[in-house]
């Protein structure tokens, strides 16, 4: 598997992002899904990557700069057939490494609280993320779980 900068005009990427957005919205309460659409991913504050197995797209992930020392994991999604095979960990490790290179002190994320999101919560916990209070523009929401990784600890 290899990770490269994502091409938001690639039909394969657009299709996987559509699946991600559709599932996120279907698996949580209206107004509580915070997955970015294509326009949101085109923001200058967002770095977006794709994960490939040969020429097959198997995952996507993004990093949003919230401030000079704080980033947010966004748009993490692994194709269904690649789940529990290390693809999500590979993308998350890439995002964490990029955040460290940028000298962020903290990396945060929001995911859903519903059963569909339990594997994502487990992945983030496995990589050292712990639950935290809402950050940035988020507000407390029973449909959201907020997590953070302190990048100053090793």
C-alpha atoms as a PDB file:
ATOM      1  CA  UNK A   1       0.000   0.000   0.000  1.00  0.00           C
ATOM      2  CA  UNK A   2       1.142   3.547  -0.628  1.00  0.00           C
ATOM      3  CA  UNK A   3      -0.160   6.992   0.300  1.00  0.00           C
ATOM      4  CA  UNK A   4      -0.187   9.948  -2.068  1.00  0.00           C
ATOM      5  CA  UNK A   5      -1.688  13.420  -2.223  1.00  0.00           C
ATOM      6  CA  UNK A   6      -5.341  13.056  -3.090  1.00  0.00           C
ATOM      7  CA  UNK A   7      -6.780  14.140  -6.416  1.00  0.00           C
ATOM      8  CA  UNK A   8     -10.285  15.450  -5.725  1.00  0.00           C
ATOM      9  CA  UNK A   9     -11.120  15.244  -9.434  1.00  0.00           C
ATOM     10  CA  UNK A  10     -10.388  11.491  -9.678  1.00  0.00           C
ATOM     11  CA  UNK A  11     -13.727   9.637 -10.114  1.00  0.00           C
ATOM     12  CA  UNK A  12     -12.535   6.830  -7.801  1.00  0.00           C
ATOM     13  CA  UNK A  13     -11.803   9.353  -5.053  1.00  0.00           C
ATOM     14  CA  UNK A  14     -15.110  11.133  -5.603  1.00  0.00           C
ATOM     15  CA  UNK A  15     -16.958   7.800  -5.338  1.00  0.00           C
ATOM     16  CA  UNK A  16     -15.243   6.760  -2.092  1.00  0.00           C
ATOM     17  CA  UNK A  17     -15.838  10.196  -0.577  1.00  0.00           C
ATOM     18  CA  UNK A  18     -19.506   9.974  -1.605  1.00  0.00           C
ATOM     19  CA  UNK A  19     -19.769   6.630   0.217  1.00  0.00           C
ATOM     20  CA  UNK A  20     -18.087   8.170   3.274  1.00  0.00           C
ATOM     21  CA  UNK A  21     -20.373  11.204   3.336  1.00  0.00           C
ATOM     22  CA  UNK A  22     -23.529   9.170   2.697  1.00  0.00           C
ATOM     23  CA  UNK A  23     -22.732   6.613   5.417  1.00  0.00           C
ATOM     24  CA  UNK A  24     -21.719   9.271   7.961  1.00  0.00           C
ATOM     25  CA  UNK A  25     -24.985  11.102   7.432  1.00  0.00           C
ATOM     26  CA  UNK A  26     -27.050   7.899   7.490  1.00  0.00           C
ATOM     27  CA  UNK A  27     -25.423   6.614  10.687  1.00  0.00           C
ATOM     28  CA  UNK A  28     -25.969   9.636  12.929  1.00  0.00           C
ATOM     29  CA  UNK A  29     -28.658  12.133  13.808  1.00  0.00           C
ATOM     30  CA  UNK A  30     -29.495  14.937  11.374  1.00  0.00           C
ATOM     31  CA  UNK A  31     -27.199  17.898  11.905  1.00  0.00           C
ATOM     32  CA  UNK A  32     -24.604  15.854  13.786  1.00  0.00           C
ATOM     33  CA  UNK A  33     -22.579  14.508  10.846  1.00  0.00           C
ATOM     34  CA  UNK A  34     -19.449  16.597  10.337  1.00  0.00           C
ATOM     35  CA  UNK A  35     -17.958  14.800   7.323  1.00  0.00           C
ATOM     36  CA  UNK A  36     -16.612  17.200   4.702  1.00  0.00           C
ATOM     37  CA  UNK A  37     -17.913  17.259   1.156  1.00  0.00           C
ATOM     38  CA  UNK A  38     -15.652  17.894  -1.850  1.00  0.00           C
ATOM     39  CA  UNK A  39     -15.905  21.660  -1.410  1.00  0.00           C
ATOM     40  CA  UNK A  40     -14.871  21.408   2.233  1.00  0.00           C
ATOM     41  CA  UNK A  41     -11.879  19.257   1.338  1.00  0.00           C
ATOM     42  CA  UNK A  42     -10.702  21.886  -1.156  1.00  0.00           C
ATOM     43  CA  UNK A  43     -10.065  24.371   1.655  1.00  0.00           C
ATOM     44  CA  UNK A  44      -6.482  25.686   1.853  1.00  0.00           C
ATOM     45  CA  UNK A  45      -6.462  24.581   5.511  1.00  0.00           C
ATOM     46  CA  UNK A  46      -6.910  20.923   4.442  1.00  0.00           C
ATOM     47  CA  UNK A  47      -4.282  18.423   3.322  1.00  0.00           C
ATOM     48  CA  UNK A  48      -5.893  15.379   1.715  1.00  0.00           C
ATOM     49  CA  UNK A  49      -4.374  11.976   0.973  1.00  0.00           C
ATOM     50  CA  UNK A  50      -5.391   8.747  -0.712  1.00  0.00           C
ATOM     51  CA  UNK A  51      -4.278   5.219   0.145  1.00  0.00           C
ATOM     52  CA  UNK A  52      -3.734   2.763  -2.696  1.00  0.00           C
ATOM     53  CA  UNK A  53      -3.177  -0.969  -3.037  1.00  0.00           C
ATOM     54  CA  UNK A  54      -1.529  -1.045  -6.481  1.00  0.00           C
ATOM     55  CA  UNK A  55      -4.061   0.930  -8.556  1.00  0.00           C
ATOM     56  CA  UNK A  56      -7.042   0.276  -6.252  1.00  0.00           C
ATOM     57  CA  UNK A  57      -8.141   3.096  -3.957  1.00  0.00           C
ATOM     58  CA  UNK A  58      -8.550   1.654  -0.459  1.00  0.00           C
ATOM     59  CA  UNK A  59      -8.780   4.721   1.772  1.00  0.00           C
ATOM     60  CA  UNK A  60      -8.729   8.461   2.267  1.00  0.00           C
ATOM     61  CA  UNK A  61      -7.813  10.822   5.067  1.00  0.00           C
ATOM     62  CA  UNK A  62      -7.241  14.503   5.679  1.00  0.00           C
ATOM     63  CA  UNK A  63      -5.610  16.888   8.117  1.00  0.00           C
ATOM     64  CA  UNK A  64      -7.130  20.277   8.838  1.00  0.00           C
ATOM     65  CA  UNK A  65      -5.018  23.018  10.375  1.00  0.00           C
ATOM     66  CA  UNK A  66      -7.029  24.604  13.184  1.00  0.00           C
ATOM     67  CA  UNK A  67      -4.180  26.812  14.403  1.00  0.00           C
ATOM     68  CA  UNK A  68      -0.408  26.977  14.227  1.00  0.00           C
ATOM     69  CA  UNK A  69      -0.112  24.130  16.742  1.00  0.00           C
ATOM     70  CA  UNK A  70      -3.423  22.248  16.487  1.00  0.00           C
ATOM     71  CA  UNK A  71      -4.684  19.959  13.736  1.00  0.00           C
ATOM     72  CA  UNK A  72      -7.821  17.917  13.188  1.00  0.00           C
ATOM     73  CA  UNK A  73      -8.137  14.495  11.572  1.00  0.00           C
ATOM     74  CA  UNK A  74     -10.862  14.658   8.913  1.00  0.00           C
ATOM     75  CA  UNK A  75     -12.425  12.379   6.311  1.00  0.00           C
ATOM     76  CA  UNK A  76     -10.878   9.117   7.464  1.00  0.00           C
ATOM     77  CA  UNK A  77     -12.524   6.334   5.483  1.00  0.00           C
ATOM     78  CA  UNK A  78     -11.413   2.863   4.474  1.00  0.00           C
ATOM     79  CA  UNK A  79     -13.080   0.905   1.686  1.00  0.00           C
ATOM     80  CA  UNK A  80     -15.256  -1.846   3.147  1.00  0.00           C
ATOM     81  CA  UNK A  81     -13.163  -4.699   1.693  1.00  0.00           C
ATOM     82  CA  UNK A  82      -9.973  -3.357   3.312  1.00  0.00           C
ATOM     83  CA  UNK A  83     -11.246  -2.899   6.854  1.00  0.00           C
ATOM     84  CA  UNK A  84      -9.334  -4.611   9.660  1.00  0.00           C
ATOM     85  CA  UNK A  85      -6.345  -5.123   7.346  1.00  0.00           C
ATOM     86  CA  UNK A  86      -4.200  -2.162   8.442  1.00  0.00           C
ATOM     87  CA  UNK A  87      -5.323   0.425   5.892  1.00  0.00           C
ATOM     88  CA  UNK A  88      -6.915   2.742   8.461  1.00  0.00           C
ATOM     89  CA  UNK A  89      -3.871   2.495  10.724  1.00  0.00           C
ATOM     90  CA  UNK A  90      -1.573   3.298   7.800  1.00  0.00           C
ATOM     91  CA  UNK A  91      -3.523   6.454   6.949  1.00  0.00           C
ATOM     92  CA  UNK A  92      -3.811   7.550  10.582  1.00  0.00           C
ATOM     93  CA  UNK A  93      -0.077   7.019  11.141  1.00  0.00           C
ATOM     94  CA  UNK A  94       0.608   9.170   8.065  1.00  0.00           C
ATOM     95  CA  UNK A  95      -1.630  11.949   9.391  1.00  0.00           C
ATOM     96  CA  UNK A  96      -0.032  11.808  12.849  1.00  0.00           C
ATOM     97  CA  UNK A  97       3.471  11.879  11.317  1.00  0.00           C
ATOM     98  CA  UNK A  98       2.518  14.909   9.199  1.00  0.00           C
ATOM     99  CA  UNK A  99       1.122  16.683  12.278  1.00  0.00           C
ATOM    100  CA  UNK A 100       4.404  16.022  14.094  1.00  0.00           C
ATOM    101  CA  UNK A 101       6.415  17.351  11.125  1.00  0.00           C
ATOM    102  CA  UNK A 102       4.312  20.505  11.258  1.00  0.00           C
ATOM    103  CA  UNK A 103       5.118  20.749  14.968  1.00  0.00           C
ATOM    104  CA  UNK A 104       1.500  20.596  16.057  1.00  0.00           C
ATOM    105  CA  UNK A 105       1.165  20.126  19.789  1.00  0.00           C
ATOM    106  CA  UNK A 106      -2.271  18.534  19.579  1.00  0.00           C
ATOM    107  CA  UNK A 107      -4.219  16.498  17.058  1.00  0.00           C
ATOM    108  CA  UNK A 108      -7.985  16.258  17.580  1.00  0.00           C
ATOM    109  CA  UNK A 109     -10.922  14.596  15.900  1.00  0.00           C
ATOM    110  CA  UNK A 110     -14.673  14.212  16.039  1.00  0.00           C
ATOM    111  CA  UNK A 111     -16.391  10.934  15.284  1.00  0.00           C
ATOM    112  CA  UNK A 112     -19.864   9.618  15.841  1.00  0.00           C
ATOM    113  CA  UNK A 113     -21.157   8.054  19.036  1.00  0.00           C
ATOM    114  CA  UNK A 114     -23.480   5.565  17.324  1.00  0.00           C
ATOM    115  CA  UNK A 115     -22.565   1.845  16.989  1.00  0.00           C
ATOM    116  CA  UNK A 116     -21.415   2.266  13.362  1.00  0.00           C
ATOM    117  CA  UNK A 117     -18.528   4.439  14.647  1.00  0.00           C
ATOM    118  CA  UNK A 118     -17.274   2.056  17.352  1.00  0.00           C
ATOM    119  CA  UNK A 119     -14.552   0.562  15.101  1.00  0.00           C
ATOM    120  CA  UNK A 120     -13.300   4.094  14.336  1.00  0.00           C
ATOM    121  CA  UNK A 121     -13.229   4.930  18.046  1.00  0.00           C
ATOM    122  CA  UNK A 122     -11.262   1.727  18.690  1.00  0.00           C
ATOM    123  CA  UNK A 123      -8.763   2.602  15.938  1.00  0.00           C
ATOM    124  CA  UNK A 124      -8.175   6.068  17.351  1.00  0.00           C
ATOM    125  CA  UNK A 125      -7.835   4.722  20.911  1.00  0.00           C
ATOM    126  CA  UNK A 126      -5.323   2.126  19.710  1.00  0.00           C
ATOM    127  CA  UNK A 127      -3.211   4.987  18.376  1.00  0.00           C
ATOM    128  CA  UNK A 128      -3.270   6.945  21.641  1.00  0.00           C
ATOM    129  CA  UNK A 129      -6.243   9.253  21.169  1.00  0.00           C
ATOM    130  CA  UNK A 130      -8.324   9.852  24.297  1.00  0.00           C
ATOM    131  CA  UNK A 131     -11.741  11.394  24.741  1.00  0.00           C
ATOM    132  CA  UNK A 132     -11.757  15.148  25.267  1.00  0.00           C
ATOM    133  CA  UNK A 133     -14.080  18.136  25.337  1.00  0.00           C
ATOM    134  CA  UNK A 134     -15.349  19.673  22.096  1.00  0.00           C
ATOM    135  CA  UNK A 135     -12.713  21.790  20.341  1.00  0.00           C
ATOM    136  CA  UNK A 136     -12.688  24.456  17.643  1.00  0.00           C
ATOM    137  CA  UNK A 137     -16.224  25.296  16.539  1.00  0.00           C
ATOM    138  CA  UNK A 138     -17.763  22.076  17.870  1.00  0.00           C
ATOM    139  CA  UNK A 139     -20.323  22.129  20.662  1.00  0.00           C
ATOM    140  CA  UNK A 140     -21.296  19.344  23.055  1.00  0.00           C
ATOM    141  CA  UNK A 141     -23.409  16.790  21.170  1.00  0.00           C
ATOM    142  CA  UNK A 142     -24.515  13.342  22.401  1.00  0.00           C
ATOM    143  CA  UNK A 143     -24.074  12.106  18.819  1.00  0.00           C
ATOM    144  CA  UNK A 144     -20.368  13.009  18.776  1.00  0.00           C
ATOM    145  CA  UNK A 145     -17.255  11.665  20.461  1.00  0.00           C
ATOM    146  CA  UNK A 146     -14.324  14.085  20.618  1.00  0.00           C
ATOM    147  CA  UNK A 147     -10.814  12.695  20.910  1.00  0.00           C
ATOM    148  CA  UNK A 148      -7.308  14.151  21.011  1.00  0.00           C
ATOM    149  CA  UNK A 149      -3.689  13.083  20.896  1.00  0.00           C
ATOM    150  CA  UNK A 150      -1.053  15.059  22.781  1.00  0.00           C
ATOM    151  CA  UNK A 151       1.848  15.248  20.318  1.00  0.00           C
ATOM    152  CA  UNK A 152       4.254  16.621  22.918  1.00  0.00           C
ATOM    153  CA  UNK A 153       4.329  13.291  24.755  1.00  0.00           C
ATOM    154  CA  UNK A 154       6.444  10.452  23.419  1.00  0.00           C
END
